[in-house]
PDB file of N, CA and C in Angstrom:
ATOM      1  N   MET A   1      11.097  -8.548  21.523  1.00  0.00           N
ATOM      2  CA  MET A   1      11.412  -9.936  21.277  1.00  0.00           C
ATOM      3  C   MET A   1      12.920 -10.142  21.419  1.00  0.00           C
ATOM      4  N   PRO A   2      13.283 -11.299  21.851  1.00  0.00           N
ATOM      5  CA  PRO A   2      14.714 -11.587  21.950  1.00  0.00           C
ATOM      6  C   PRO A   2      15.342 -11.731  20.562  1.00  0.00           C
ATOM      7  N   SER A   3      16.623 -11.564  20.499  1.00  0.00           N
ATOM      8  CA  SER A   3      17.349 -11.724  19.249  1.00  0.00           C
ATOM      9  C   SER A   3      17.048 -13.095  18.648  1.00  0.00           C
ATOM     10  N   GLY A   4      16.846 -13.117  17.338  1.00  0.00           N
ATOM     11  CA  GLY A   4      16.564 -14.378  16.666  1.00  0.00           C
ATOM     12  C   GLY A   4      15.087 -14.642  16.441  1.00  0.00           C
ATOM     13  N   ILE A   5      14.228 -13.780  16.992  1.00  0.00           N
ATOM     14  CA  ILE A   5      12.780 -13.909  16.800  1.00  0.00           C
ATOM     15  C   ILE A   5      12.317 -12.727  15.945  1.00  0.00           C
ATOM     16  N   PRO A   6      12.154 -12.926  14.627  1.00  0.00           N
ATOM     17  CA  PRO A   6      11.741 -11.810  13.778  1.00  0.00           C
ATOM     18  C   PRO A   6      10.300 -11.393  14.081  1.00  0.00           C
ATOM     19  N   VAL A   7      10.078 -10.101  14.082  1.00  0.00           N
ATOM     20  CA  VAL A   7       8.757  -9.561  14.389  1.00  0.00           C
ATOM     21  C   VAL A   7       8.429  -8.478  13.368  1.00  0.00           C
ATOM     22  N   ALA A   8       7.244  -8.531  12.821  1.00  0.00           N
ATOM     23  CA  ALA A   8       6.745  -7.468  11.963  1.00  0.00           C
ATOM     24  C   ALA A   8       5.553  -6.859  12.675  1.00  0.00           C
ATOM     25  N   THR A   9       5.513  -5.559  12.745  1.00  0.00           N
ATOM     26  CA  THR A   9       4.403  -4.904  13.431  1.00  0.00           C
ATOM     27  C   THR A   9       3.631  -4.027  12.456  1.00  0.00           C
ATOM     28  N   VAL A  10       2.351  -3.899  12.694  1.00  0.00           N
ATOM     29  CA  VAL A  10       1.493  -2.989  11.953  1.00  0.00           C
ATOM     30  C   VAL A  10       0.629  -2.260  12.972  1.00  0.00           C
ATOM     31  N   ALA A  11       0.062  -1.156  12.547  1.00  0.00           N
ATOM     32  CA  ALA A  11      -0.747  -0.336  13.449  1.00  0.00           C
ATOM     33  C   ALA A  11      -2.010  -1.058  13.887  1.00  0.00           C
ATOM     34  N   ILE A  12      -2.526  -0.678  15.027  1.00  0.00           N
ATOM     35  CA  ILE A  12      -3.826  -1.173  15.466  1.00  0.00           C
ATOM     36  C   ILE A  12      -4.843  -0.750  14.411  1.00  0.00           C
ATOM     37  N   GLY A  13      -5.661  -1.667  13.998  1.00  0.00           N
ATOM     38  CA  GLY A  13      -6.627  -1.367  12.940  1.00  0.00           C
ATOM     39  C   GLY A  13      -5.991  -1.410  11.553  1.00  0.00           C
ATOM     40  N   GLY A  14      -4.758  -1.902  11.470  1.00  0.00           N
ATOM     41  CA  GLY A  14      -4.048  -1.935  10.197  1.00  0.00           C
ATOM     42  C   GLY A  14      -4.123  -3.289   9.519  1.00  0.00           C
ATOM     43  N   GLY A  15      -5.296  -3.871   9.513  1.00  0.00           N
ATOM     44  CA  GLY A  15      -5.459  -5.198   8.931  1.00  0.00           C
ATOM     45  C   GLY A  15      -5.078  -5.266   7.466  1.00  0.00           C
ATOM     46  N   LYS A  16      -5.371  -4.208   6.737  1.00  0.00           N
ATOM     47  CA  LYS A  16      -5.032  -4.193   5.314  1.00  0.00           C
ATOM     48  C   LYS A  16      -3.516  -4.271   5.143  1.00  0.00           C
ATOM     49  N   ASN A  17      -2.789  -3.491   5.920  1.00  0.00           N
ATOM     50  CA  ASN A  17      -1.332  -3.529   5.828  1.00  0.00           C
ATOM     51  C   ASN A  17      -0.774  -4.865   6.298  1.00  0.00           C
ATOM     52  N   ALA A  18      -1.396  -5.462   7.299  1.00  0.00           N
ATOM     53  CA  ALA A  18      -0.954  -6.778   7.765  1.00  0.00           C
ATOM     54  C   ALA A  18      -1.146  -7.811   6.654  1.00  0.00           C
ATOM     55  N   GLY A  19      -2.263  -7.729   5.953  1.00  0.00           N
ATOM     56  CA  GLY A  19      -2.518  -8.640   4.840  1.00  0.00           C
ATOM     57  C   GLY A  19      -1.521  -8.456   3.712  1.00  0.00           C
ATOM     58  N   LEU A  20      -1.200  -7.204   3.416  1.00  0.00           N
ATOM     59  CA  LEU A  20      -0.210  -6.938   2.370  1.00  0.00           C
ATOM     60  C   LEU A  20       1.169  -7.457   2.765  1.00  0.00           C
ATOM     61  N   LEU A  21       1.519  -7.291   4.020  1.00  0.00           N
ATOM     62  CA  LEU A  21       2.803  -7.811   4.500  1.00  0.00           C
ATOM     63  C   LEU A  21       2.841  -9.335   4.353  1.00  0.00           C
ATOM     64  N   ALA A  22       1.776  -9.998   4.753  1.00  0.00           N
ATOM     65  CA  ALA A  22       1.719 -11.457   4.622  1.00  0.00           C
ATOM     66  C   ALA A  22       1.806 -11.873   3.156  1.00  0.00           C
ATOM     67  N   ALA A  23       1.107 -11.151   2.285  1.00  0.00           N
ATOM     68  CA  ALA A  23       1.140 -11.475   0.860  1.00  0.00           C
ATOM     69  C   ALA A  23       2.544 -11.294   0.293  1.00  0.00           C
ATOM     70  N   LYS A  24       3.249 -10.256   0.742  1.00  0.00           N
ATOM     71  CA  LYS A  24       4.614 -10.041   0.260  1.00  0.00           C
ATOM     72  C   LYS A  24       5.540 -11.169   0.700  1.00  0.00           C
ATOM     73  N   ILE A  25       5.344 -11.656   1.898  1.00  0.00           N
ATOM     74  CA  ILE A  25       6.150 -12.776   2.374  1.00  0.00           C
ATOM     75  C   ILE A  25       5.854 -14.020   1.527  1.00  0.00           C
ATOM     76  N   LEU A  26       4.587 -14.286   1.270  1.00  0.00           N
ATOM     77  CA  LEU A  26       4.203 -15.453   0.469  1.00  0.00           C
ATOM     78  C   LEU A  26       4.648 -15.322  -0.985  1.00  0.00           C
ATOM     79  N   ALA A  27       4.701 -14.084  -1.483  1.00  0.00           N
ATOM     80  CA  ALA A  27       5.057 -13.848  -2.886  1.00  0.00           C
ATOM     81  C   ALA A  27       6.507 -14.196  -3.193  1.00  0.00           C
ATOM     82  N   VAL A  28       7.316 -14.372  -2.173  1.00  0.00           N
ATOM     83  CA  VAL A  28       8.705 -14.771  -2.394  1.00  0.00           C
ATOM     84  C   VAL A  28       8.764 -16.085  -3.166  1.00  0.00           C
ATOM     85  N   SER A  29       7.786 -16.945  -2.952  1.00  0.00           N
ATOM     86  CA  SER A  29       7.789 -18.244  -3.639  1.00  0.00           C
ATOM     87  C   SER A  29       6.571 -18.430  -4.553  1.00  0.00           C
ATOM     88  N   ASP A  30       5.885 -17.328  -4.891  1.00  0.00           N
ATOM     89  CA  ASP A  30       4.685 -17.429  -5.724  1.00  0.00           C
ATOM     90  C   ASP A  30       4.692 -16.308  -6.765  1.00  0.00           C
ATOM     91  N   PRO A  31       5.186 -16.576  -7.973  1.00  0.00           N
ATOM     92  CA  PRO A  31       5.292 -15.541  -9.006  1.00  0.00           C
ATOM     93  C   PRO A  31       3.959 -14.887  -9.369  1.00  0.00           C
ATOM     94  N   GLU A  32       2.878 -15.653  -9.344  1.00  0.00           N
ATOM     95  CA  GLU A  32       1.566 -15.094  -9.677  1.00  0.00           C
ATOM     96  C   GLU A  32       1.137 -14.074  -8.622  1.00  0.00           C
ATOM     97  N   LEU A  33       1.353 -14.397  -7.367  1.00  0.00           N
ATOM     98  CA  LEU A  33       1.029 -13.472  -6.285  1.00  0.00           C
ATOM     99  C   LEU A  33       1.914 -12.233  -6.363  1.00  0.00           C
ATOM    100  N   LEU A  34       3.183 -12.416  -6.689  1.00  0.00           N
ATOM    101  CA  LEU A  34       4.095 -11.284  -6.826  1.00  0.00           C
ATOM    102  C   LEU A  34       3.605 -10.326  -7.910  1.00  0.00           C
ATOM    103  N   LYS A  35       3.149 -10.872  -9.034  1.00  0.00           N
ATOM    104  CA  LYS A  35       2.619 -10.023 -10.111  1.00  0.00           C
ATOM    105  C   LYS A  35       1.398  -9.248  -9.637  1.00  0.00           C
ATOM    106  N   LYS A  36       0.507  -9.915  -8.911  1.00  0.00           N
ATOM    107  CA  LYS A  36      -0.686  -9.241  -8.400  1.00  0.00           C
ATOM    108  C   LYS A  36      -0.308  -8.112  -7.447  1.00  0.00           C
ATOM    109  N   LEU A  37       0.690  -8.341  -6.609  1.00  0.00           N
ATOM    110  CA  LEU A  37       1.132  -7.297  -5.689  1.00  0.00           C
ATOM    111  C   LEU A  37       1.753  -6.121  -6.439  1.00  0.00           C
ATOM    112  N   LYS A  38       2.528  -6.419  -7.462  1.00  0.00           N
ATOM    113  CA  LYS A  38       3.121  -5.338  -8.265  1.00  0.00           C
ATOM    114  C   LYS A  38       2.043  -4.532  -8.979  1.00  0.00           C
ATOM    115  N   ASP A  39       1.037  -5.218  -9.514  1.00  0.00           N
ATOM    116  CA  ASP A  39      -0.079  -4.521 -10.164  1.00  0.00           C
ATOM    117  C   ASP A  39      -0.832  -3.656  -9.158  1.00  0.00           C
ATOM    118  N   TYR A  40      -1.060  -4.198  -7.970  1.00  0.00           N
ATOM    119  CA  TYR A  40      -1.755  -3.453  -6.913  1.00  0.00           C
ATOM    120  C   TYR A  40      -0.971  -2.189  -6.556  1.00  0.00           C
ATOM    121  N   SER A  41       0.338  -2.322  -6.415  1.00  0.00           N
ATOM    122  CA  SER A  41       1.174  -1.170  -6.080  1.00  0.00           C
ATOM    123  C   SER A  41       1.162  -0.133  -7.196  1.00  0.00           C
ATOM    124  N   ALA A  42       1.195  -0.580  -8.432  1.00  0.00           N
ATOM    125  CA  ALA A  42       1.157   0.340  -9.568  1.00  0.00           C
ATOM    126  C   ALA A  42      -0.170   1.100  -9.600  1.00  0.00           C
ATOM    127  N   ASN A  43      -1.266   0.407  -9.324  1.00  0.00           N
ATOM    128  CA  ASN A  43      -2.574   1.067  -9.283  1.00  0.00           C
ATOM    129  C   ASN A  43      -2.645   2.092  -8.157  1.00  0.00           C
ATOM    130  N   MET A  44      -2.087   1.737  -6.999  1.00  0.00           N
ATOM    131  CA  MET A  44      -2.068   2.690  -5.883  1.00  0.00           C
ATOM    132  C   MET A  44      -1.258   3.926  -6.252  1.00  0.00           C
ATOM    133  N   ALA A  45      -0.124   3.739  -6.907  1.00  0.00           N
ATOM    134  CA  ALA A  45       0.715   4.870  -7.316  1.00  0.00           C
ATOM    135  C   ALA A  45      -0.039   5.762  -8.292  1.00  0.00           C
ATOM    136  N   ALA A  46      -0.756   5.161  -9.234  1.00  0.00           N
ATOM    137  CA  ALA A  46      -1.530   5.941 -10.205  1.00  0.00           C
ATOM    138  C   ALA A  46      -2.626   6.737  -9.511  1.00  0.00           C
ATOM    139  N   GLU A  47      -3.275   6.154  -8.513  1.00  0.00           N
ATOM    140  CA  GLU A  47      -4.308   6.870  -7.770  1.00  0.00           C
ATOM    141  C   GLU A  47      -3.722   8.067  -7.016  1.00  0.00           C
ATOM    142  N   VAL A  48      -2.575   7.880  -6.417  1.00  0.00           N
ATOM    143  CA  VAL A  48      -1.918   8.972  -5.689  1.00  0.00           C
ATOM    144  C   VAL A  48      -1.533  10.090  -6.652  1.00  0.00           C
ATOM    145  N   GLU A  49      -0.999   9.734  -7.810  1.00  0.00           N
ATOM    146  CA  GLU A  49      -0.622  10.743  -8.794  1.00  0.00           C
ATOM    147  C   GLU A  49      -1.837  11.516  -9.288  1.00  0.00           C
ATOM    148  N   ALA A  50      -2.960  10.837  -9.495  1.00  0.00           N
ATOM    149  CA  ALA A  50      -4.189  11.512  -9.926  1.00  0.00           C
ATOM    150  C   ALA A  50      -4.695  12.458  -8.842  1.00  0.00           C
ATOM    151  N   LYS A  51      -4.641  12.021  -7.584  1.00  0.00           N
ATOM    152  CA  LYS A  51      -5.060  12.891  -6.479  1.00  0.00           C
ATOM    153  C   LYS A  51      -4.145  14.105  -6.364  1.00  0.00           C
ATOM    154  N   ASP A  52      -2.851  13.898  -6.594  1.00  0.00           N
ATOM    155  CA  ASP A  52      -1.912  15.013  -6.537  1.00  0.00           C
ATOM    156  C   ASP A  52      -2.204  16.026  -7.639  1.00  0.00           C
ATOM    157  N   ARG A  53      -2.470  15.525  -8.853  1.00  0.00           N
ATOM    158  CA  ARG A  53      -2.801  16.442  -9.960  1.00  0.00           C
ATOM    159  C   ARG A  53      -4.031  17.270  -9.610  1.00  0.00           C
ATOM    160  N   LYS A  54      -5.054  16.604  -9.077  1.00  0.00           N
ATOM    161  CA  LYS A  54      -6.281  17.302  -8.706  1.00  0.00           C
ATOM    162  C   LYS A  54      -5.998  18.350  -7.628  1.00  0.00           C
ATOM    163  N   LEU A  55      -5.205  17.991  -6.651  1.00  0.00           N
ATOM    164  CA  LEU A  55      -4.854  18.925  -5.576  1.00  0.00           C
ATOM    165  C   LEU A  55      -4.082  20.115  -6.124  1.00  0.00           C
ATOM    166  N   GLN A  56      -3.147  19.872  -7.021  1.00  0.00           N
ATOM    167  CA  GLN A  56      -2.357  20.953  -7.605  1.00  0.00           C
ATOM    168  C   GLN A  56      -3.238  21.889  -8.450  1.00  0.00           C
ATOM    169  N   GLU A  57      -4.211  21.320  -9.155  1.00  0.00           N
ATOM    170  CA  GLU A  57      -5.092  22.123 -10.003  1.00  0.00           C
ATOM    171  C   GLU A  57      -6.086  22.936  -9.190  1.00  0.00           C
ATOM    172  N   LYS A  58      -6.698  22.334  -8.189  1.00  0.00           N
ATOM    173  CA  LYS A  58      -7.786  22.970  -7.452  1.00  0.00           C
ATOM    174  C   LYS A  58      -7.331  23.699  -6.196  1.00  0.00           C
ATOM    175  N   GLY A  59      -6.239  23.276  -5.619  1.00  0.00           N
ATOM    176  CA  GLY A  59      -5.818  23.821  -4.325  1.00  0.00           C
ATOM    177  C   GLY A  59      -6.508  23.068  -3.208  1.00  0.00           C
ATOM    178  N   TYR A  60      -5.944  23.138  -2.028  1.00  0.00           N
ATOM    179  CA  TYR A  60      -6.450  22.329  -0.920  1.00  0.00           C
ATOM    180  C   TYR A  60      -7.854  22.737  -0.468  1.00  0.00           C
ATOM    181  N   LYS A  61      -8.226  23.996  -0.632  1.00  0.00           N
ATOM    182  CA  LYS A  61      -9.555  24.428  -0.170  1.00  0.00           C
ATOM    183  C   LYS A  61     -10.676  23.836  -1.000  1.00  0.00           C
ATOM    184  N   ASP A  62     -10.437  23.641  -2.285  1.00  0.00           N
ATOM    185  CA  ASP A  62     -11.471  23.145  -3.186  1.00  0.00           C
ATOM    186  C   ASP A  62     -11.304  21.668  -3.525  1.00  0.00           C
ATOM    187  N   TYR A  63     -10.317  21.012  -2.982  1.00  0.00           N
ATOM    188  CA  TYR A  63     -10.014  19.628  -3.330  1.00  0.00           C
ATOM    189  C   TYR A  63     -11.173  18.678  -3.082  1.00  0.00           C
ATOM    190  N   LYS A  64     -11.844  18.792  -1.950  1.00  0.00           N
ATOM    191  CA  LYS A  64     -12.905  17.853  -1.566  1.00  0.00           C
ATOM    192  C   LYS A  64     -14.287  18.247  -2.073  1.00  0.00           C
ATOM    193  N   LYS A  65     -14.417  19.340  -2.767  1.00  0.00           N
ATOM    194  CA  LYS A  65     -15.747  19.811  -3.175  1.00  0.00           C
ATOM    195  C   LYS A  65     -16.363  18.990  -4.300  1.00  0.00           C
ATOM    196  N   ASP A  66     -15.584  18.259  -5.049  1.00  0.00           N
ATOM    197  CA  ASP A  66     -16.138  17.454  -6.160  1.00  0.00           C
ATOM    198  C   ASP A  66     -16.751  16.172  -5.652  1.00  0.00           C
TER     199      ASP A  66
END
């Protein structure tokens, strides 16, 4: 794109990320949406931390067996 035309790109098949990007743009002027996005991010972080704990405890070979 020429200078002055902002462009945001996401991966092919990345509809979820495109939606999150749009929500973040809209949240600039919507405090309720901003709170929902922050809660969503906090939940994602907690899920990643739980998966990491499980991986550290079981090791990569046994991680998917449960």
